[in-house]
Amino acid sequence: MEYKLSETQQLLQTTARSYLQDTFPWERLYAFEDGSSQLTGEDIGSLAELGWLALVAPESAGGGGATLLEAAIVIEELGYAGVPAPITTSNVAAYVLDAANASEQLAELASNKNRFTISEASRRKRPPATGLSASGGKLTGTLPMVPFAEIADVVLAPVTIDGEPAFAALPLSEGQQEPVKLLDRTSYANVAFDGIALDNGSVLATGPAAQALHEQCDALMTALSTIELAGMMRRIQELTTEYITGRIQFGQPIAKFQAARHRAAELLMATEMTRWAAYHALWRLQEDAQDTEEIWLAKHYAARATDRVYQHSHMLHGGVGVGTEYPLHLFTQGITALAVRNGSMNELTERTLVARGLTAS
């Protein structure tokens, strides 16, 4: 892969960084953390006006017509800014709806008439671990860990209908939500459905086609969330470099001490390797929707690199990195939360082996 930003893509990156930092300064990120504030309808409306909620949707459906790599530019900046906004989930939903030829729902997403999210149940090892089942046209069960459930209208999730796999678009207004708070400040909820009607319009696919949608959803969500993780790592690396360059100890910047430079170098390598592994995996997926091998490898590396980034950044900040008055923890908490999503190390290893046509032991 030879990846270099075009002038248009550079403008997209610059615009995204400027908007996110102006709209979500440190004060708002701290307010998200302590629960005194949350994303507003105005925030979501602004993201929709920018076209960021449907970057990958085709222009014919009202979307941005962007490639996956172009969407990743915005999502990396989302991580860099540390903003818990539904850009990643919304674009994965747009991608899945387009793959399912669900033109009506895709148009609703692109126009911000309805806001879509993705169930965490769609992101487990095969087969989909869903607690939702339907019989006689009635759906019952609980979807765990639905991100942005309180501000979304529809969730895309795997279900079981009369014993067969299916993939459906479910109205969140029909479910009972139980809020869940995690370190990355994203709002989650367990959503329980109790005998709601499952009409034909909400079922996107059944049988093998449903399994294929599950695989596409899982792979793209993993790839883009790893891009977001890389953006957070890059901000941590920059904050750390700025600090050790300006912090004077024994008459000189601590960046001049060999031990500090070694740790800073390891921090930089872990960040850059995570970033480019994620972009390379996404590029391969863009070229071939069935090529997911690199996604699991990139996420596997990112999950291991997170520990080094966390430890080295806090070590180099010393006591300053311990206090919550300094914003480092907003990002190190974020990478810790993102690192454990998409499954355990064993599951990621298994997925890589399956993608290579091997049998996991």
Protein backbone atom coordinates (compact mmCIF):
# COMPACT_ATOMS: atom_id res chain seq x y z
CA MET A 1 0.00 0.00 0.00
CA GLU A 2 1.27 3.45 -0.93
CA TYR A 3 -0.91 5.79 1.06
CA LYS A 4 -0.51 9.53 0.67
CA LEU A 5 -3.19 12.12 1.31
CA SER A 6 -4.43 14.06 -1.68
CA GLU A 7 -5.12 17.79 -1.37
CA THR A 8 -8.81 17.05 -0.85
CA GLN A 9 -8.04 14.47 1.82
CA GLN A 10 -5.63 16.86 3.55
CA LEU A 11 -8.41 19.44 3.63
CA LEU A 12 -10.76 16.84 5.11
CA GLN A 13 -8.22 16.03 7.82
CA THR A 14 -7.58 19.69 8.65
CA THR A 15 -11.28 20.51 8.73
CA ALA A 16 -12.05 17.53 10.96
CA ARG A 17 -9.31 18.38 13.47
CA SER A 18 -10.28 22.04 13.62
CA TYR A 19 -13.99 21.33 14.05
CA LEU A 20 -13.56 18.66 16.72
CA GLN A 21 -11.11 20.67 18.81
CA ASP A 22 -13.20 23.85 18.58
CA THR A 23 -16.50 22.10 19.33
CA PHE A 24 -15.18 19.73 22.00
CA PRO A 25 -12.52 21.54 24.06
CA TRP A 26 -11.03 20.04 27.21
CA GLU A 27 -13.89 21.38 29.32
CA ARG A 28 -16.47 19.36 27.39
CA LEU A 29 -14.37 16.19 27.51
CA TYR A 30 -14.11 16.52 31.28
CA ALA A 31 -17.87 17.06 31.45
CA PHE A 32 -18.42 13.88 29.41
CA GLU A 33 -16.18 12.06 31.86
CA ASP A 34 -17.95 13.13 35.05
CA GLY A 35 -21.39 12.76 33.50
CA SER A 36 -22.37 16.42 33.83
CA SER A 37 -22.78 16.72 30.07
CA GLN A 38 -23.46 14.52 27.07
CA LEU A 39 -23.77 14.76 23.31
CA THR A 40 -26.72 16.92 22.32
CA GLY A 41 -29.11 16.74 19.40
CA GLU A 42 -27.39 19.87 18.10
CA ASP A 43 -24.03 18.06 18.15
CA ILE A 44 -25.44 15.13 16.17
CA GLY A 45 -27.16 17.51 13.76
CA SER A 46 -23.87 19.30 13.12
CA LEU A 47 -22.09 16.01 12.43
CA ALA A 48 -24.88 15.09 10.02
CA GLU A 49 -24.60 18.45 8.24
CA LEU A 50 -20.88 17.83 7.78
CA GLY A 51 -21.81 14.49 6.18
CA TRP A 52 -19.73 12.54 8.71
CA LEU A 53 -22.50 10.16 9.77
CA ALA A 54 -22.79 8.78 6.23
CA LEU A 55 -19.36 9.25 4.71
CA VAL A 56 -19.31 5.79 3.11
CA ALA A 57 -22.91 5.89 1.87
CA PRO A 58 -23.18 6.40 -1.92
CA GLU A 59 -24.02 9.87 -3.17
CA SER A 60 -27.19 8.50 -4.79
CA ALA A 61 -28.49 7.80 -1.27
CA GLY A 62 -27.50 11.23 0.03
CA GLY A 63 -24.20 10.09 1.50
CA GLY A 64 -20.67 11.34 1.03
CA GLY A 65 -19.55 8.69 -1.46
CA ALA A 66 -16.21 8.42 0.38
CA THR A 67 -13.92 5.42 0.33
CA LEU A 68 -13.20 3.54 3.55
CA LEU A 69 -9.75 5.13 3.72
CA GLU A 70 -11.26 8.62 3.40
CA ALA A 71 -13.76 7.86 6.16
CA ALA A 72 -10.84 6.62 8.27
CA ILE A 73 -9.25 10.08 8.08
CA VAL A 74 -12.19 11.58 9.96
CA ILE A 75 -12.41 8.64 12.38
CA GLU A 76 -8.71 8.90 13.23
CA GLU A 77 -9.25 12.58 14.02
CA LEU A 78 -12.20 11.57 16.20
CA GLY A 79 -9.82 9.44 18.25
CA TYR A 80 -7.17 12.18 18.23
CA ALA A 81 -9.70 14.59 19.71
CA GLY A 82 -10.96 12.04 22.25
CA VAL A 83 -14.58 12.75 21.37
CA PRO A 84 -17.16 10.00 22.09
CA ALA A 85 -19.30 10.60 18.99
CA PRO A 86 -21.15 8.00 16.86
CA ILE A 87 -19.21 8.57 13.64
CA THR A 88 -17.69 5.09 13.53
CA THR A 89 -20.89 3.22 14.37
CA SER A 90 -22.99 5.29 11.98
CA ASN A 91 -20.65 4.69 9.05
CA VAL A 92 -20.50 0.96 9.72
CA ALA A 93 -24.30 0.97 9.75
CA ALA A 94 -24.31 2.83 6.42
CA TYR A 95 -21.90 0.29 4.93
CA VAL A 96 -24.03 -2.64 6.13
CA LEU A 97 -27.29 -1.09 4.93
CA ASP A 98 -25.76 -0.47 1.51
CA ALA A 99 -24.51 -4.08 1.36
CA ALA A 100 -28.03 -5.27 2.27
CA ASN A 101 -29.60 -3.06 -0.43
CA ALA A 102 -31.72 -1.43 2.27
CA SER A 103 -32.12 1.80 0.31
CA GLU A 104 -34.96 3.20 2.42
CA GLN A 105 -33.11 2.83 5.73
CA LEU A 106 -29.88 4.08 4.15
CA ALA A 107 -31.62 7.25 2.96
CA GLU A 108 -33.01 7.76 6.47
CA LEU A 109 -29.51 7.48 7.92
CA ALA A 110 -27.95 9.84 5.36
CA SER A 111 -30.65 12.47 5.91
CA ASN A 112 -30.45 12.11 9.72
CA LYS A 113 -34.14 11.20 9.79
CA ASN A 114 -33.17 8.15 11.84
CA ARG A 115 -29.92 7.53 13.66
CA PHE A 116 -28.44 4.05 13.45
CA THR A 117 -26.06 2.17 15.71
CA ILE A 118 -24.49 -1.30 15.82
CA SER A 119 -25.06 -3.90 18.51
CA GLU A 120 -22.02 -5.27 20.31
CA ALA A 121 -23.65 -8.68 19.83
CA SER A 122 -22.76 -8.42 16.15
CA ARG A 123 -19.08 -8.29 17.03
CA ARG A 124 -18.33 -11.68 18.50
CA LYS A 125 -16.66 -14.78 17.15
CA ARG A 126 -18.72 -16.98 14.84
CA PRO A 127 -21.60 -17.67 15.12
CA PRO A 128 -23.01 -14.32 16.30
CA ALA A 129 -23.59 -14.39 20.04
CA THR A 130 -27.05 -12.89 20.12
CA GLY A 131 -29.63 -13.11 22.85
CA LEU A 132 -32.47 -12.15 20.50
CA SER A 133 -34.83 -14.73 19.06
CA ALA A 134 -38.16 -14.51 17.25
CA SER A 135 -40.98 -16.96 16.97
CA GLY A 136 -44.41 -16.28 15.54
CA GLY A 137 -43.32 -12.80 14.50
CA LYS A 138 -42.48 -11.72 18.06
CA LEU A 139 -38.95 -10.81 19.15
CA THR A 140 -37.69 -11.39 22.67
CA GLY A 141 -34.30 -11.08 24.35
CA THR A 142 -31.58 -8.62 25.31
CA LEU A 143 -28.93 -6.88 23.23
CA PRO A 144 -25.87 -6.21 25.39
CA MET A 145 -23.67 -3.13 25.17
CA VAL A 146 -25.40 -1.10 22.45
CA PRO A 147 -23.29 2.04 21.89
CA PHE A 148 -25.10 5.41 21.72
CA ALA A 149 -28.43 3.68 22.36
CA GLU A 150 -29.88 6.74 24.08
CA ILE A 151 -29.36 8.98 21.04
CA ALA A 152 -29.98 6.40 18.29
CA ASP A 153 -33.29 5.35 16.79
CA VAL A 154 -32.40 2.01 15.21
CA VAL A 155 -29.91 -0.73 16.06
CA LEU A 156 -28.56 -3.25 13.53
CA ALA A 157 -28.13 -6.66 15.14
CA PRO A 158 -28.05 -10.41 14.47
CA VAL A 159 -31.17 -12.28 15.57
CA THR A 160 -32.47 -15.82 15.37
CA ILE A 161 -35.82 -16.32 13.65
CA ASP A 162 -37.46 -19.72 14.07
CA GLY A 163 -34.02 -21.24 14.63
CA GLU A 164 -32.40 -19.61 11.57
CA PRO A 165 -29.82 -16.76 11.60
CA ALA A 166 -31.01 -13.34 10.50
CA PHE A 167 -29.83 -9.73 10.56
CA ALA A 168 -32.33 -7.00 11.41
CA ALA A 169 -32.86 -3.28 11.96
CA LEU A 170 -34.65 -2.90 15.29
CA PRO A 171 -36.34 0.26 16.67
CA LEU A 172 -34.75 1.16 19.98
CA SER A 173 -37.95 2.85 21.12
CA GLU A 174 -39.46 -0.65 21.46
CA GLY A 175 -36.82 -1.77 23.96
CA GLN A 176 -36.13 -1.13 27.63
CA GLN A 177 -32.68 0.43 28.13
CA GLU A 178 -30.33 -0.13 31.05
CA PRO A 179 -27.42 2.40 30.85
CA VAL A 180 -23.84 1.10 31.15
CA LYS A 181 -20.83 3.37 31.68
CA LEU A 182 -17.33 2.44 30.51
CA LEU A 183 -13.94 4.15 30.54
CA ASP A 184 -14.09 5.48 26.98
CA ARG A 185 -17.01 7.82 27.89
CA THR A 186 -19.16 6.36 25.12
CA SER A 187 -22.72 5.86 26.31
CA TYR A 188 -23.79 2.20 26.25
CA ALA A 189 -26.97 0.40 27.22
CA ASN A 190 -28.27 -3.12 27.50
CA VAL A 191 -31.54 -3.13 25.54
CA ALA A 192 -34.25 -5.67 26.41
CA PHE A 193 -37.03 -6.48 23.96
CA ASP A 194 -40.16 -8.19 25.24
CA GLY A 195 -42.28 -9.65 22.47
CA ILE A 196 -42.10 -6.79 19.97
CA ALA A 197 -43.44 -7.32 16.45
CA LEU A 198 -40.76 -8.22 13.90
CA ASP A 199 -42.08 -7.18 10.49
CA ASN A 200 -40.54 -8.07 7.13
CA GLY A 201 -39.26 -4.55 6.60
CA SER A 202 -36.94 -4.76 9.58
CA VAL A 203 -35.29 -8.04 8.52
CA LEU A 204 -32.33 -7.19 6.29
CA ALA A 205 -31.23 -10.76 5.52
CA THR A 206 -31.67 -14.36 6.58
CA GLY A 207 -29.58 -17.53 6.36
CA PRO A 208 -26.13 -17.31 4.73
CA ALA A 209 -26.78 -13.72 3.62
CA ALA A 210 -27.35 -12.74 7.24
CA GLN A 211 -24.10 -14.42 8.27
CA ALA A 212 -22.30 -12.49 5.51
CA LEU A 213 -23.72 -9.19 6.82
CA HIS A 214 -22.57 -10.15 10.31
CA GLU A 215 -19.05 -10.81 9.02
CA GLN A 216 -18.93 -7.49 7.13
CA CYS A 217 -20.24 -5.58 10.13
CA ASP A 218 -17.79 -7.27 12.49
CA ALA A 219 -14.76 -6.77 10.26
CA LEU A 220 -15.41 -3.12 9.43
CA MET A 221 -16.27 -2.17 13.01
CA THR A 222 -13.03 -3.78 14.16
CA ALA A 223 -11.00 -2.03 11.46
CA LEU A 224 -12.44 1.43 12.04
CA SER A 225 -12.34 1.19 15.84
CA THR A 226 -8.65 0.29 15.52
CA ILE A 227 -8.16 3.44 13.42
CA GLU A 228 -9.89 5.41 16.19
CA LEU A 229 -7.61 3.73 18.75
CA ALA A 230 -4.58 4.74 16.66
CA GLY A 231 -5.77 8.35 16.67
CA MET A 232 -5.91 8.32 20.47
CA MET A 233 -2.43 6.80 20.62
CA ARG A 234 -1.09 9.55 18.37
CA ARG A 235 -2.52 12.21 20.69
CA ILE A 236 -0.94 10.48 23.69
CA GLN A 237 2.41 10.37 21.91
CA GLU A 238 2.21 14.08 21.05
CA LEU A 239 1.18 15.07 24.58
CA THR A 240 4.08 13.05 25.98
CA THR A 241 6.62 14.49 23.55
CA GLU A 242 5.48 18.02 24.36
CA TYR A 243 5.73 17.35 28.08
CA ILE A 244 9.20 15.79 28.18
CA THR A 245 10.53 18.49 25.86
CA GLY A 246 9.35 21.29 28.14
CA ARG A 247 9.86 19.64 31.55
CA ILE A 248 13.21 20.76 33.01
CA GLN A 249 15.00 18.50 35.49
CA PHE A 250 18.63 18.88 36.66
CA GLY A 251 18.97 21.90 34.40
CA GLN A 252 17.86 20.29 31.14
CA PRO A 253 14.72 18.89 29.45
CA ILE A 254 14.07 15.31 30.56
CA ALA A 255 13.86 14.44 26.86
CA LYS A 256 17.66 14.62 26.82
CA PHE A 257 18.05 11.77 29.27
CA GLN A 258 18.76 8.46 27.56
CA ALA A 259 16.22 6.43 29.53
CA ALA A 260 13.45 8.90 28.70
CA ARG A 261 14.44 8.92 25.03
CA HIS A 262 14.30 5.13 24.87
CA ARG A 263 10.80 5.10 26.33
CA ALA A 264 9.71 7.88 23.99
CA ALA A 265 11.07 5.95 21.02
CA GLU A 266 9.18 2.81 22.06
CA LEU A 267 6.02 4.90 22.46
CA LEU A 268 6.45 6.33 18.97
CA MET A 269 7.07 2.92 17.39
CA ALA A 270 4.04 1.34 19.07
CA THR A 271 1.85 4.24 17.92
CA GLU A 272 3.04 4.29 14.33
CA MET A 273 2.94 0.52 13.91
CA THR A 274 -0.63 0.42 15.24
CA ARG A 275 -1.65 3.23 12.91
CA TRP A 276 -0.19 1.84 9.71
CA ALA A 277 -1.20 -1.75 10.43
CA ALA A 278 -4.77 -0.47 10.83
CA TYR A 279 -4.65 1.54 7.60
CA HIS A 280 -3.11 -1.35 5.68
CA ALA A 281 -5.82 -3.71 6.93
CA LEU A 282 -8.55 -1.24 5.95
CA TRP A 283 -7.00 -0.76 2.50
CA ARG A 284 -7.06 -4.52 1.92
CA LEU A 285 -10.70 -4.67 3.01
CA GLN A 286 -11.51 -1.82 0.65
CA GLU A 287 -9.89 -3.69 -2.22
CA ASP A 288 -11.58 -6.99 -1.33
CA ALA A 289 -14.54 -7.15 1.08
CA GLN A 290 -13.62 -10.78 1.89
CA ASP A 291 -10.02 -9.97 2.84
CA THR A 292 -10.21 -9.66 6.64
CA GLU A 293 -6.99 -11.41 7.68
CA GLU A 294 -5.03 -8.20 8.26
CA ILE A 295 -7.86 -6.70 10.35
CA TRP A 296 -7.52 -9.29 13.09
CA LEU A 297 -3.72 -9.05 12.98
CA ALA A 298 -3.85 -5.25 13.25
CA LYS A 299 -6.25 -5.37 16.18
CA HIS A 300 -4.19 -8.09 17.86
CA TYR A 301 -1.08 -5.90 17.63
CA ALA A 302 -2.99 -2.80 18.74
CA ALA A 303 -4.33 -4.59 21.82
CA ARG A 304 -0.79 -5.59 22.84
CA ALA A 305 0.66 -2.17 22.00
CA THR A 306 -1.90 -0.44 24.21
CA ASP A 307 -0.14 -1.63 27.37
CA ARG A 308 3.19 -0.14 26.24
CA VAL A 309 1.62 3.17 25.20
CA TYR A 310 -0.23 3.41 28.52
CA GLN A 311 2.77 2.54 30.67
CA HIS A 312 5.40 4.61 28.84
CA SER A 313 3.24 7.73 28.58
CA HIS A 314 2.36 7.76 32.28
CA MET A 315 5.93 6.89 33.26
CA LEU A 316 7.33 9.80 31.24
CA HIS A 317 4.78 12.21 32.71
CA GLY A 318 5.68 11.18 36.25
CA GLY A 319 3.39 12.60 38.92
CA VAL A 320 1.67 14.90 36.44
CA GLY A 321 0.35 11.87 34.57
CA VAL A 322 -1.35 10.56 37.72
CA GLY A 323 -3.60 13.55 38.39
CA THR A 324 -6.90 13.97 36.58
CA GLU A 325 -6.31 17.72 36.20
CA TYR A 326 -4.01 16.87 33.30
CA PRO A 327 -5.86 15.41 30.24
CA LEU A 328 -3.60 12.40 29.60
CA HIS A 329 -6.00 10.02 31.36
CA LEU A 330 -8.83 10.96 28.98
CA PHE A 331 -6.90 9.22 26.21
CA THR A 332 -5.22 6.40 28.13
CA GLN A 333 -8.60 5.36 29.51
CA GLY A 334 -9.94 5.54 25.96
CA ILE A 335 -7.31 3.25 24.45
CA THR A 336 -7.74 0.78 27.31
CA ALA A 337 -11.47 0.57 26.63
CA LEU A 338 -11.06 0.25 22.84
CA ALA A 339 -8.31 -2.37 23.21
CA VAL A 340 -10.56 -4.90 24.93
CA ARG A 341 -13.38 -4.61 22.41
CA ASN A 342 -13.70 -7.07 19.51
CA GLY A 343 -12.83 -10.06 21.65
CA SER A 344 -9.99 -11.50 23.67
CA MET A 345 -6.49 -12.20 22.39
CA ASN A 346 -7.42 -15.84 21.92
CA GLU A 347 -10.46 -14.89 19.85
CA LEU A 348 -8.42 -12.52 17.68
CA THR A 349 -5.83 -15.25 17.14
CA GLU A 350 -8.58 -17.67 16.18
CA ARG A 351 -10.05 -15.21 13.69
CA THR A 352 -6.65 -14.70 12.09
CA LEU A 353 -6.18 -18.46 11.70
CA VAL A 354 -9.66 -18.85 10.21
CA ALA A 355 -9.03 -15.96 7.80
CA ARG A 356 -5.87 -17.76 6.62
CA GLY A 357 -7.81 -20.98 6.05
CA LEU A 358 -6.23 -22.68 9.05
CA THR A 359 -7.96 -24.46 11.90
CA ALA A 360 -7.69 -22.86 15.33
CA SER A 361 -6.45 -25.22 18.01
